[in-house]
């Protein structure tokens, strides 16, 4: 799974595309709410897609 551990509050998979929301893990340089993040490599890495919103 992800190279950066984070607190997943929502996760959906659509083919090769994974969308998630949640809170950063310990030591992660990220805002308190990750917003909507996306992975296109099976969940190994995630990139921000929509910031400044809560996913739950």
Protein backbone atom coordinates (compact mmCIF):
# COMPACT_ATOMS: atom_id res chain seq x y z
CA UNK A 1 0.00 0.00 0.00
CA UNK A 2 0.92 3.67 0.33
CA UNK A 3 4.51 4.73 0.94
CA UNK A 4 3.14 7.33 3.41
CA UNK A 5 0.92 5.98 6.18
CA UNK A 6 -2.23 8.06 6.64
CA UNK A 7 -5.58 7.76 8.42
CA UNK A 8 -8.00 6.75 5.65
CA UNK A 9 -11.55 7.98 6.20
CA UNK A 10 -12.84 7.07 2.73
CA UNK A 11 -11.53 4.96 -0.15
CA UNK A 12 -12.98 3.98 -3.51
CA UNK A 13 -11.35 2.11 -6.37
CA UNK A 14 -12.38 2.53 -10.00
CA UNK A 15 -10.18 0.32 -12.15
CA UNK A 16 -6.59 1.53 -11.82
CA UNK A 17 -7.69 4.78 -10.15
CA UNK A 18 -7.96 4.96 -6.35
CA UNK A 19 -9.54 7.97 -4.60
CA UNK A 20 -9.17 8.52 -0.87
CA UNK A 21 -9.65 11.09 1.87
CA UNK A 22 -8.42 11.23 5.41
CA UNK A 23 -5.85 12.72 7.73
CA UNK A 24 -2.04 12.69 7.50
CA UNK A 25 -0.02 10.08 9.31
CA UNK A 26 2.64 10.83 11.89
CA UNK A 27 5.55 12.76 10.40
CA UNK A 28 3.73 13.43 7.13
CA UNK A 29 4.15 16.99 5.82
CA UNK A 30 0.51 17.66 4.93
CA UNK A 31 -2.49 19.70 6.11
CA UNK A 32 -4.71 18.28 8.86
CA UNK A 33 -7.26 17.20 6.28
CA UNK A 34 -5.87 15.60 3.11
CA UNK A 35 -8.92 16.50 1.01
CA UNK A 36 -9.34 14.22 -2.01
CA UNK A 37 -6.20 12.34 -3.05
CA UNK A 38 -5.68 10.01 -6.02
CA UNK A 39 -3.45 7.04 -6.80
CA UNK A 40 -2.88 5.59 -10.25
CA UNK A 41 -0.25 3.03 -9.17
CA UNK A 42 -2.23 0.63 -7.02
CA UNK A 43 -2.16 2.77 -3.88
CA UNK A 44 1.63 3.09 -3.59
CA UNK A 45 1.61 6.87 -4.03
CA UNK A 46 -1.15 9.46 -3.76
CA UNK A 47 -1.37 12.97 -5.22
CA UNK A 48 -3.73 15.75 -4.06
CA UNK A 49 -6.72 16.37 -6.33
CA UNK A 50 -9.02 18.57 -4.21
CA UNK A 51 -7.67 20.34 -1.13
CA UNK A 52 -9.32 22.36 1.61
CA UNK A 53 -12.33 20.06 1.96
CA UNK A 54 -13.17 17.27 4.37
CA UNK A 55 -13.92 13.86 2.99
CA UNK A 56 -16.13 12.70 5.85
